[in-house]
Amino acid sequence: MKVVLQRVSEASVTVEHEVVGQIKSGLLLLVGINHEDTMEDVNYMVDKVINLRIFEDENEKMNLSLLDVNGEILSVSQFTLYGDCRKGRRPNFMSAAKPAKAEELYDLFNEQLKEKGISVQTGRFGAMMDVALVNEGPVTLILESNV
């Protein structure tokens, strides 16, 4: 499982000119599911995302987690994170999970985040989406489960 995590002051996702998800302060997550990912990968990533200390404390040190700042999450499925561009000119997506498995694990990931008390908005799985954000910092990290 791979997540591109961006600390944002606001973010939204639009499908066919309709805003389907929108947050203020928190994290924008671009979420990719690998064909080998399991429930263990989901559990690992949920724990990592909510406890990662990337928000500034009173001393301007990145010392606070999403839980500490009561931040929100905008989660967007992103199979292209598993695009392999090493050969040729067209990405190979063989490492990405098939849609049924990817959607199941993506939904599970978002549900687990909600169970931890996080306000979670999402895009629409499989849709063409426009994502807008104000990256705060900027802080952008790439997380991989490799459980």
C-alpha atoms as a PDB file:
ATOM      1  CA  MET A   1       0.000   0.000   0.000  1.00  0.00           C
ATOM      2  CA  LYS A   2       1.304   3.420  -0.892  1.00  0.00           C
ATOM      3  CA  VAL A   3       0.057   6.808   0.313  1.00  0.00           C
ATOM      4  CA  VAL A   4       1.177  10.241  -0.802  1.00  0.00           C
ATOM      5  CA  LEU A   5       0.334  12.379   2.219  1.00  0.00           C
ATOM      6  CA  GLN A   6       0.107  16.154   2.047  1.00  0.00           C
ATOM      7  CA  ARG A   7      -0.494  18.465   4.985  1.00  0.00           C
ATOM      8  CA  VAL A   8      -3.149  20.916   3.833  1.00  0.00           C
ATOM      9  CA  SER A   9      -4.989  23.995   5.026  1.00  0.00           C
ATOM     10  CA  GLU A  10      -7.803  23.016   2.632  1.00  0.00           C
ATOM     11  CA  ALA A  11      -8.503  20.428  -0.054  1.00  0.00           C
ATOM     12  CA  SER A  12     -11.385  19.279  -2.220  1.00  0.00           C
ATOM     13  CA  VAL A  13     -12.210  16.705  -4.860  1.00  0.00           C
ATOM     14  CA  THR A  14     -14.662  17.313  -7.693  1.00  0.00           C
ATOM     15  CA  VAL A  15     -16.363  14.777  -9.959  1.00  0.00           C
ATOM     16  CA  GLU A  16     -18.295  16.014 -12.997  1.00  0.00           C
ATOM     17  CA  HIS A  17     -18.397  19.613 -11.662  1.00  0.00           C
ATOM     18  CA  GLU A  18     -19.713  18.475  -8.250  1.00  0.00           C
ATOM     19  CA  VAL A  19     -17.633  18.745  -5.072  1.00  0.00           C
ATOM     20  CA  VAL A  20     -17.865  15.268  -3.527  1.00  0.00           C
ATOM     21  CA  GLY A  21     -15.339  15.738  -0.713  1.00  0.00           C
ATOM     22  CA  GLN A  22     -13.908  18.778   1.032  1.00  0.00           C
ATOM     23  CA  ILE A  23     -11.855  19.475   4.175  1.00  0.00           C
ATOM     24  CA  LYS A  24     -10.191  22.349   5.953  1.00  0.00           C
ATOM     25  CA  SER A  25      -7.029  21.696   8.003  1.00  0.00           C
ATOM     26  CA  GLY A  26      -5.641  18.174   7.871  1.00  0.00           C
ATOM     27  CA  LEU A  27      -4.300  15.679   5.359  1.00  0.00           C
ATOM     28  CA  LEU A  28      -4.904  14.944   1.706  1.00  0.00           C
ATOM     29  CA  LEU A  29      -4.151  11.281   1.084  1.00  0.00           C
ATOM     30  CA  LEU A  30      -3.602   9.837  -2.377  1.00  0.00           C
ATOM     31  CA  VAL A  31      -4.053   6.109  -1.746  1.00  0.00           C
ATOM     32  CA  GLY A  32      -2.711   3.325  -3.956  1.00  0.00           C
ATOM     33  CA  ILE A  33      -3.388  -0.364  -3.368  1.00  0.00           C
ATOM     34  CA  ASN A  34      -0.906  -3.011  -4.528  1.00  0.00           C
ATOM     35  CA  HIS A  35      -2.067  -6.424  -5.772  1.00  0.00           C
ATOM     36  CA  GLU A  36      -0.286  -8.052  -2.791  1.00  0.00           C
ATOM     37  CA  ASP A  37      -1.789  -5.793  -0.093  1.00  0.00           C
ATOM     38  CA  THR A  38      -3.761  -7.292   2.784  1.00  0.00           C
ATOM     39  CA  MET A  39      -5.596  -6.220   5.916  1.00  0.00           C
ATOM     40  CA  GLU A  40      -2.201  -5.971   7.660  1.00  0.00           C
ATOM     41  CA  ASP A  41      -1.148  -3.268   5.204  1.00  0.00           C
ATOM     42  CA  VAL A  42      -4.357  -1.337   5.888  1.00  0.00           C
ATOM     43  CA  ASN A  43      -3.864  -1.579   9.665  1.00  0.00           C
ATOM     44  CA  TYR A  44      -0.249  -0.416   9.391  1.00  0.00           C
ATOM     45  CA  MET A  45      -1.127   2.528   7.172  1.00  0.00           C
ATOM     46  CA  VAL A  46      -4.041   3.713   9.336  1.00  0.00           C
ATOM     47  CA  ASP A  47      -1.797   3.745  12.405  1.00  0.00           C
ATOM     48  CA  LYS A  48       1.011   5.507  10.541  1.00  0.00           C
ATOM     49  CA  VAL A  49      -1.231   8.215   9.037  1.00  0.00           C
ATOM     50  CA  ILE A  50      -3.025   9.209  12.230  1.00  0.00           C
ATOM     51  CA  ASN A  51       0.057   9.151  14.469  1.00  0.00           C
ATOM     52  CA  LEU A  52       2.685  10.670  12.171  1.00  0.00           C
ATOM     53  CA  ARG A  53       3.982  13.822  13.888  1.00  0.00           C
ATOM     54  CA  ILE A  54       3.958  16.356  11.046  1.00  0.00           C
ATOM     55  CA  PHE A  55       1.949  19.247  12.496  1.00  0.00           C
ATOM     56  CA  GLU A  56       3.739  22.084  14.259  1.00  0.00           C
ATOM     57  CA  ASP A  57       3.585  22.605  18.010  1.00  0.00           C
ATOM     58  CA  GLU A  58       3.833  25.944  19.837  1.00  0.00           C
ATOM     59  CA  ASN A  59       7.612  25.967  19.127  1.00  0.00           C
ATOM     60  CA  GLU A  60       7.086  25.495  15.385  1.00  0.00           C
ATOM     61  CA  LYS A  61       8.481  21.945  15.539  1.00  0.00           C
ATOM     62  CA  MET A  62       6.727  19.135  13.679  1.00  0.00           C
ATOM     63  CA  ASN A  63       5.733  17.365  16.868  1.00  0.00           C
ATOM     64  CA  LEU A  64       1.954  16.862  16.680  1.00  0.00           C
ATOM     65  CA  SER A  65      -0.132  14.194  14.970  1.00  0.00           C
ATOM     66  CA  LEU A  66      -3.424  14.462  13.108  1.00  0.00           C
ATOM     67  CA  LEU A  67      -5.118  13.213  16.289  1.00  0.00           C
ATOM     68  CA  ASP A  68      -3.414  15.939  18.356  1.00  0.00           C
ATOM     69  CA  VAL A  69      -4.682  18.741  16.094  1.00  0.00           C
ATOM     70  CA  ASN A  70      -8.141  17.240  15.412  1.00  0.00           C
ATOM     71  CA  GLY A  71      -7.406  17.367  11.683  1.00  0.00           C
ATOM     72  CA  GLU A  72      -9.537  15.998   8.877  1.00  0.00           C
ATOM     73  CA  ILE A  73      -8.674  13.662   6.011  1.00  0.00           C
ATOM     74  CA  LEU A  74      -9.536  13.825   2.332  1.00  0.00           C
ATOM     75  CA  SER A  75      -8.795  10.363   0.944  1.00  0.00           C
ATOM     76  CA  VAL A  76      -8.549   9.893  -2.827  1.00  0.00           C
ATOM     77  CA  SER A  77      -7.974   6.537  -4.529  1.00  0.00           C
ATOM     78  CA  GLN A  78      -4.964   6.705  -6.842  1.00  0.00           C
ATOM     79  CA  PHE A  79      -4.018   3.506  -8.702  1.00  0.00           C
ATOM     80  CA  THR A  80      -1.434   5.433 -10.742  1.00  0.00           C
ATOM     81  CA  LEU A  81       0.866   5.434  -7.685  1.00  0.00           C
ATOM     82  CA  TYR A  82       1.774   1.921  -8.836  1.00  0.00           C
ATOM     83  CA  GLY A  83       2.651   2.989 -12.369  1.00  0.00           C
ATOM     84  CA  ASP A  84       6.057   1.585 -13.329  1.00  0.00           C
ATOM     85  CA  CYS A  85       7.762   3.985 -15.742  1.00  0.00           C
ATOM     86  CA  ARG A  86      11.169   2.306 -15.952  1.00  0.00           C
ATOM     87  CA  LYS A  87      10.636   0.854 -19.436  1.00  0.00           C
ATOM     88  CA  GLY A  88       9.118   2.447 -22.488  1.00  0.00           C
ATOM     89  CA  ARG A  89       6.983   5.553 -22.498  1.00  0.00           C
ATOM     90  CA  ARG A  90       3.716   4.231 -21.128  1.00  0.00           C
ATOM     91  CA  PRO A  91       3.384   3.340 -17.423  1.00  0.00           C
ATOM     92  CA  ASN A  92       2.828  -0.305 -16.563  1.00  0.00           C
ATOM     93  CA  PHE A  93       0.159  -0.751 -13.884  1.00  0.00           C
ATOM     94  CA  MET A  94       0.612  -4.489 -13.263  1.00  0.00           C
ATOM     95  CA  SER A  95       1.487  -3.895  -9.593  1.00  0.00           C
ATOM     96  CA  ALA A  96      -1.775  -2.079  -8.888  1.00  0.00           C
ATOM     97  CA  ALA A  97      -4.561  -4.192  -7.404  1.00  0.00           C
ATOM     98  CA  LYS A  98      -7.524  -5.112  -9.586  1.00  0.00           C
ATOM     99  CA  PRO A  99     -10.448  -2.701  -9.050  1.00  0.00           C
ATOM    100  CA  ALA A 100     -12.572  -5.028  -6.864  1.00  0.00           C
ATOM    101  CA  LYS A 101      -9.753  -5.727  -4.411  1.00  0.00           C
ATOM    102  CA  ALA A 102      -8.511  -2.126  -4.476  1.00  0.00           C
ATOM    103  CA  GLU A 103     -11.967  -0.731  -3.725  1.00  0.00           C
ATOM    104  CA  GLU A 104     -12.495  -3.207  -0.875  1.00  0.00           C
ATOM    105  CA  LEU A 105      -9.195  -2.298   0.828  1.00  0.00           C
ATOM    106  CA  TYR A 106      -9.595   1.424   0.105  1.00  0.00           C
ATOM    107  CA  ASP A 107     -13.070   1.404   1.704  1.00  0.00           C
ATOM    108  CA  LEU A 108     -11.718  -0.567   4.674  1.00  0.00           C
ATOM    109  CA  PHE A 109      -8.876   1.939   5.086  1.00  0.00           C
ATOM    110  CA  ASN A 110     -11.336   4.858   5.183  1.00  0.00           C
ATOM    111  CA  GLU A 111     -13.686   3.049   7.578  1.00  0.00           C
ATOM    112  CA  GLN A 112     -10.829   2.327   9.980  1.00  0.00           C
ATOM    113  CA  LEU A 113      -9.808   5.983   9.916  1.00  0.00           C
ATOM    114  CA  LYS A 114     -13.392   6.951  10.805  1.00  0.00           C
ATOM    115  CA  GLU A 115     -13.420   4.377  13.627  1.00  0.00           C
ATOM    116  CA  LYS A 116     -10.407   6.192  15.109  1.00  0.00           C
ATOM    117  CA  GLY A 117     -12.545   9.334  15.363  1.00  0.00           C
ATOM    118  CA  ILE A 118     -11.207  11.092  12.267  1.00  0.00           C
ATOM    119  CA  SER A 119     -13.499  13.106  10.006  1.00  0.00           C
ATOM    120  CA  VAL A 120     -12.931  11.513   6.575  1.00  0.00           C
ATOM    121  CA  GLN A 121     -14.103  12.765   3.193  1.00  0.00           C
ATOM    122  CA  THR A 122     -13.401  10.820   0.013  1.00  0.00           C
ATOM    123  CA  GLY A 123     -13.361  11.071  -3.712  1.00  0.00           C
ATOM    124  CA  ARG A 124     -15.332   8.625  -5.843  1.00  0.00           C
ATOM    125  CA  PHE A 125     -13.516   5.344  -6.501  1.00  0.00           C
ATOM    126  CA  GLY A 126     -12.774   4.794 -10.190  1.00  0.00           C
ATOM    127  CA  ALA A 127     -14.042   8.214 -11.294  1.00  0.00           C
ATOM    128  CA  MET A 128     -12.156  10.938 -13.134  1.00  0.00           C
ATOM    129  CA  MET A 129     -11.511  13.403 -10.314  1.00  0.00           C
ATOM    130  CA  ASP A 130     -10.147  16.927 -10.029  1.00  0.00           C
ATOM    131  CA  VAL A 131      -8.251  17.456  -6.781  1.00  0.00           C
ATOM    132  CA  ALA A 132      -7.546  20.931  -5.414  1.00  0.00           C
ATOM    133  CA  LEU A 133      -5.406  21.671  -2.377  1.00  0.00           C
ATOM    134  CA  VAL A 134      -3.395  24.223  -0.492  1.00  0.00           C
ATOM    135  CA  ASN A 135      -0.307  22.326   0.662  1.00  0.00           C
ATOM    136  CA  GLU A 136       0.715  23.726   4.035  1.00  0.00           C
ATOM    137  CA  GLY A 137       4.450  23.963   4.597  1.00  0.00           C
ATOM    138  CA  PRO A 138       4.711  22.442   2.029  1.00  0.00           C
ATOM    139  CA  VAL A 139       4.751  19.037   3.698  1.00  0.00           C
ATOM    140  CA  THR A 140       4.501  16.044   1.366  1.00  0.00           C
ATOM    141  CA  LEU A 141       5.530  12.504   2.323  1.00  0.00           C
ATOM    142  CA  ILE A 142       5.346   9.120   0.652  1.00  0.00           C
ATOM    143  CA  LEU A 143       4.382   6.220   2.921  1.00  0.00           C
ATOM    144  CA  GLU A 144       4.646   2.546   1.972  1.00  0.00           C
ATOM    145  CA  SER A 145       3.393  -0.333   4.061  1.00  0.00           C
ATOM    146  CA  ASN A 146       5.608  -3.197   2.845  1.00  0.00           C
ATOM    147  CA  VAL A 147       4.245  -5.228   5.762  1.00  0.00           C
END
